[in-house]
Amino acid sequence: MRRAYTVRGVEPLLRIVDELERRDEQAAAALAEIESLQAKVEETRARAAQIAAVEAALPAARTARDAEERAARESQAAAAAALAEAEAELARAEERGRDDARLAAQRAVQHARDAVHDAAAWVERAQRDRARLEAETEAKSGEAERLVADAAPLAERLAADPRVATAPPAPGLAGVADWASRARGDLLLARAGLATERDKVVREATELVASAVGEPLPGTGVAGVRARLVRGAGP
C-alpha cells in the first residue's frame, strides 16, 4: 500500500495523537471515578433498603411478641390456679383417707406442676424473644444513624461534582434512600456521557489513521495510533 505521508509529515499527526491520548486518558480516569462512586452509592442504597425493610417489619413483630407474652402469662396464671386446686383436692383426699382418691389427686398435682413448669418456660421464651427484638431494634436504629452519617460526605462530593450535581439528602434514613436513588440515576447519565466522549475519541483516532494510512485503525481504542502512524510514514 502506498504511504500517504512522510516522516516529516507525521509530526503534525502525532501532535493530534497527543491530544487524542490526553482526552482518552481523562475520559478513562473520569469513568473510573464515576464507576467508583456508583459502587458506593449502590452500597448505600442497598443498605438503606435493607434497614428500612427491617424497620417496617418491627411494628408487626412487636405486636406478635406482645401477643405471645400475654398468652404465656395467661397460661402461667391458669396453670398456677389449676395447681392450687389440685393441691387442695389432694389435701381433701388425704383427709378422707381413701387410697384411690389420694393417688388420683397426687397424679393431678404432678400434672399441674408440670403444666406450671411448662408455662414458666413459655414465659421465659417469650421474654427472651422480646429482649432479642428490642436489641435488634436498637441495633437497626444505630445502623441507620451510621448510614446517614456515612452518606453525608459522599452526598457532599456528588453535590459539588458538576457532572452529577445531585441535591443533598433530606434528614434521616428515608432521605438517604431517596437521595441514593436520585444519585444512581444522575451517575448513570454521567457515565453515559463519558462513554460517549471516549467513543468520539476512538472515532477520531480511526478517522485519523484511515485518512493518513488508507486503512482503519484495528482494535477499539486509541492505543497503537502513534505506532501505526510512524510505521506508515516509514524511514
Protein backbone atom coordinates (compact mmCIF):
# COMPACT_ATOMS: atom_id res chain seq x y z
CA MET A 1 0.00 0.00 0.00
CA ARG A 2 1.32 3.47 -0.87
CA ARG A 3 2.27 5.61 2.11
CA ALA A 4 0.10 8.71 2.39
CA TYR A 5 2.73 10.83 4.17
CA THR A 6 6.44 11.17 5.01
CA VAL A 7 8.31 11.19 8.30
CA ARG A 8 8.19 14.99 8.32
CA GLY A 9 4.50 14.85 7.53
CA VAL A 10 3.79 12.61 10.51
CA GLU A 11 4.78 15.23 13.10
CA PRO A 12 1.54 17.24 12.90
CA LEU A 13 -0.41 13.99 13.07
CA LEU A 14 1.47 12.95 16.19
CA ARG A 15 0.54 16.21 17.85
CA ILE A 16 -3.08 15.33 17.14
CA VAL A 17 -2.42 11.89 18.63
CA ASP A 18 -1.06 13.52 21.78
CA GLU A 19 -4.34 15.38 22.17
CA LEU A 20 -6.40 12.25 21.47
CA GLU A 21 -4.42 10.27 24.05
CA ARG A 22 -4.81 13.04 26.61
CA ARG A 23 -8.57 13.18 26.06
CA ASP A 24 -8.83 9.38 26.21
CA GLU A 25 -6.86 9.21 29.46
CA GLN A 26 -9.00 11.93 31.01
CA ALA A 27 -12.20 10.21 29.95
CA ALA A 28 -10.92 6.84 31.23
CA ALA A 29 -9.98 8.35 34.60
CA ALA A 30 -13.34 10.11 34.86
CA LEU A 31 -15.14 6.88 34.00
CA ALA A 32 -13.22 5.00 36.69
CA GLU A 33 -14.13 7.69 39.23
CA ILE A 34 -17.80 7.64 38.24
CA GLU A 35 -17.88 3.84 38.47
CA SER A 36 -16.33 4.00 41.95
CA LEU A 37 -18.99 6.50 43.01
CA GLN A 38 -21.67 4.27 41.50
CA ALA A 39 -20.48 1.35 43.63
CA LYS A 40 -20.54 3.47 46.80
CA VAL A 41 -23.99 4.88 46.05
CA GLU A 42 -25.36 1.43 45.25
CA GLU A 43 -23.98 0.06 48.52
CA THR A 44 -25.62 2.95 50.38
CA ARG A 45 -28.92 2.40 48.56
CA ALA A 46 -28.90 -1.34 49.31
CA ARG A 47 -28.09 -0.78 52.99
CA ALA A 48 -30.83 1.83 53.31
CA ALA A 49 -33.36 -0.51 51.68
CA GLN A 50 -32.38 -3.40 53.95
CA ILE A 51 -32.61 -1.31 57.13
CA ALA A 52 -35.92 0.23 56.02
CA ALA A 53 -37.38 -3.23 55.36
CA VAL A 54 -36.43 -4.40 58.84
CA GLU A 55 -37.80 -1.25 60.44
CA ALA A 56 -41.05 -1.59 58.51
CA ALA A 57 -41.50 -5.11 59.88
CA LEU A 58 -40.83 -4.11 63.50
CA PRO A 59 -44.37 -2.98 64.46
CA ALA A 60 -45.89 -6.30 63.38
CA ALA A 61 -43.10 -8.21 65.09
CA ARG A 62 -43.59 -6.23 68.30
CA THR A 63 -47.35 -6.88 68.20
CA ALA A 64 -46.68 -10.60 67.75
CA ARG A 65 -44.24 -10.63 70.68
CA ASP A 66 -46.81 -8.81 72.86
CA ALA A 67 -49.46 -11.37 71.99
CA GLU A 68 -47.06 -14.26 72.65
CA GLU A 69 -46.01 -12.94 76.04
CA ARG A 70 -49.60 -12.19 77.01
CA ALA A 71 -50.69 -15.73 76.08
CA ALA A 72 -47.75 -17.19 78.02
CA ARG A 73 -48.62 -15.24 81.16
CA GLU A 74 -52.29 -16.19 80.89
CA SER A 75 -51.24 -19.82 80.56
CA GLN A 76 -48.98 -19.43 83.59
CA ALA A 77 -51.79 -17.94 85.67
CA ALA A 78 -54.19 -20.70 84.63
CA ALA A 79 -51.60 -23.38 85.42
CA ALA A 80 -50.97 -21.86 88.87
CA ALA A 81 -54.70 -21.81 89.60
CA ALA A 82 -55.04 -25.41 88.45
CA LEU A 83 -52.13 -26.44 90.69
CA ALA A 84 -53.67 -24.74 93.68
CA GLU A 85 -56.95 -26.56 93.06
CA ALA A 86 -55.14 -29.88 92.58
CA GLU A 87 -53.23 -29.43 95.84
CA ALA A 88 -56.47 -28.56 97.65
CA GLU A 89 -58.09 -31.69 96.25
CA LEU A 90 -55.11 -33.75 97.40
CA ALA A 91 -55.47 -32.34 100.91
CA ARG A 92 -59.14 -33.30 100.94
CA ALA A 93 -58.35 -36.79 99.64
CA GLU A 94 -55.77 -37.30 102.39
CA GLU A 95 -58.32 -36.23 104.99
CA ARG A 96 -60.82 -38.76 103.66
CA GLY A 97 -58.16 -41.47 103.79
CA ARG A 98 -59.12 -43.22 100.57
CA ASP A 99 -56.04 -44.52 98.78
CA ASP A 100 -57.54 -44.45 95.28
CA ALA A 101 -58.69 -40.85 95.66
CA ARG A 102 -55.36 -39.85 97.19
CA LEU A 103 -53.36 -41.45 94.33
CA ALA A 104 -55.55 -39.79 91.73
CA ALA A 105 -55.12 -36.43 93.45
CA GLN A 106 -51.37 -36.92 93.61
CA ARG A 107 -51.27 -37.60 89.86
CA ALA A 108 -53.37 -34.49 89.25
CA VAL A 109 -50.97 -32.41 91.35
CA GLN A 110 -47.98 -33.73 89.40
CA HIS A 111 -49.67 -32.94 86.09
CA ALA A 112 -50.49 -29.46 87.35
CA ARG A 113 -46.89 -28.89 88.44
CA ASP A 114 -45.67 -29.99 85.01
CA ALA A 115 -48.08 -27.51 83.43
CA VAL A 116 -46.78 -24.73 85.71
CA HIS A 117 -43.23 -25.59 84.72
CA ASP A 118 -44.11 -25.57 81.01
CA ALA A 119 -45.94 -22.27 81.34
CA ALA A 120 -43.00 -20.70 83.17
CA ALA A 121 -40.67 -21.87 80.38
CA TRP A 122 -43.05 -20.37 77.83
CA VAL A 123 -42.97 -17.04 79.66
CA GLU A 124 -39.17 -17.12 79.72
CA ARG A 125 -39.02 -17.83 75.99
CA ALA A 126 -41.44 -15.00 75.26
CA GLN A 127 -39.36 -12.63 77.40
CA ARG A 128 -36.16 -13.67 75.63
CA ASP A 129 -37.82 -13.17 72.25
CA ARG A 130 -38.97 -9.71 73.29
CA ALA A 131 -35.50 -8.80 74.57
CA ARG A 132 -33.96 -10.05 71.33
CA LEU A 133 -36.41 -7.98 69.29
CA GLU A 134 -35.67 -4.86 71.30
CA ALA A 135 -31.93 -5.44 70.86
CA GLU A 136 -32.40 -5.85 67.11
CA THR A 137 -34.50 -2.68 67.04
CA GLU A 138 -31.79 -0.73 68.84
CA ALA A 139 -29.11 -2.19 66.57
CA LYS A 140 -31.01 -1.21 63.43
CA SER A 141 -31.57 2.27 64.79
CA GLY A 142 -27.83 2.62 65.36
CA GLU A 143 -27.11 1.20 61.92
CA ALA A 144 -29.47 3.72 60.35
CA GLU A 145 -27.75 6.57 62.18
CA ARG A 146 -24.33 5.37 61.00
CA LEU A 147 -25.57 5.05 57.42
CA VAL A 148 -26.92 8.60 57.45
CA ALA A 149 -23.57 9.84 58.81
CA ASP A 150 -21.59 7.77 56.27
CA ALA A 151 -23.68 9.08 53.38
CA ALA A 152 -23.08 12.74 54.24
CA PRO A 153 -19.54 13.14 52.78
CA LEU A 154 -20.49 11.13 49.70
CA ALA A 155 -23.55 13.33 49.18
CA GLU A 156 -21.41 16.46 49.53
CA ARG A 157 -18.97 15.12 46.95
CA LEU A 158 -21.72 14.40 44.42
CA ALA A 159 -23.41 17.74 45.02
CA ALA A 160 -20.13 19.53 44.25
CA ASP A 161 -19.38 17.47 41.12
CA PRO A 162 -20.73 19.33 38.06
CA ARG A 163 -21.04 16.06 36.16
CA VAL A 164 -23.60 14.82 38.71
CA ALA A 165 -24.75 17.70 40.96
CA THR A 166 -27.19 15.53 42.94
CA ALA A 167 -29.02 17.57 45.58
CA PRO A 168 -28.16 16.59 49.20
CA PRO A 169 -30.45 14.13 51.00
CA ALA A 170 -33.23 15.10 53.36
CA PRO A 171 -32.67 14.16 57.03
CA GLY A 172 -33.00 10.57 58.19
CA LEU A 173 -32.92 7.15 56.60
CA ALA A 174 -35.77 7.88 54.18
CA GLY A 175 -33.91 10.94 52.95
CA VAL A 176 -30.77 8.91 52.29
CA ALA A 177 -32.72 6.20 50.47
CA ASP A 178 -34.37 8.78 48.21
CA TRP A 179 -31.04 10.53 47.62
CA ALA A 180 -29.31 7.27 46.69
CA SER A 181 -31.97 6.54 44.06
CA ARG A 182 -31.56 10.02 42.57
CA ALA A 183 -27.78 9.82 42.69
CA ARG A 184 -27.80 6.46 40.95
CA GLY A 185 -29.75 7.96 38.05
CA ASP A 186 -27.50 11.01 37.84
CA LEU A 187 -24.40 8.83 37.84
CA LEU A 188 -25.81 6.67 35.05
CA LEU A 189 -26.26 9.80 32.92
CA ALA A 190 -22.75 11.00 33.75
CA ARG A 191 -21.29 7.61 32.85
CA ALA A 192 -23.18 7.56 29.56
CA GLY A 193 -21.79 10.99 28.70
CA LEU A 194 -18.22 9.92 29.42
CA ALA A 195 -18.67 6.72 27.43
CA THR A 196 -19.89 8.84 24.51
CA GLU A 197 -16.79 11.04 24.85
CA ARG A 198 -14.49 8.02 24.68
CA ASP A 199 -16.37 6.70 21.64
CA LYS A 200 -15.86 10.08 20.00
CA VAL A 201 -12.12 9.90 20.65
CA VAL A 202 -11.99 6.40 19.17
CA ARG A 203 -13.81 7.58 16.05
CA GLU A 204 -11.41 10.49 15.64
CA ALA A 205 -8.43 8.14 16.02
CA THR A 206 -9.89 5.74 13.48
CA GLU A 207 -10.55 8.54 11.01
CA LEU A 208 -7.05 9.94 11.53
CA VAL A 209 -5.39 6.63 10.69
CA ALA A 210 -7.76 5.98 7.81
CA SER A 211 -7.03 9.37 6.23
CA ALA A 212 -3.27 9.08 6.70
CA VAL A 213 -2.62 5.39 6.04
CA GLY A 214 -5.60 4.46 3.96
CA GLU A 215 -6.93 1.81 6.30
CA PRO A 216 -8.87 1.89 9.60
CA LEU A 217 -7.23 1.53 12.99
CA PRO A 218 -7.56 -2.06 14.25
CA GLY A 219 -8.89 -2.50 17.78
CA THR A 220 -11.35 -0.48 19.80
CA GLY A 221 -9.23 2.27 21.36
CA VAL A 222 -6.63 4.91 20.62
CA ALA A 223 -3.79 2.66 21.79
CA GLY A 224 -1.41 1.94 18.94
CA VAL A 225 -2.30 5.03 16.90
CA ARG A 226 1.17 6.55 17.32
CA ALA A 227 2.96 3.33 16.33
CA ARG A 228 0.68 2.84 13.34
CA LEU A 229 1.29 6.34 12.03
CA VAL A 230 5.08 6.09 12.48
CA ARG A 231 5.12 2.68 10.80
CA GLY A 232 3.08 4.08 7.92
CA ALA A 233 5.47 7.00 7.44
CA GLY A 234 8.49 4.78 7.06
CA PRO A 235 12.10 5.98 7.28
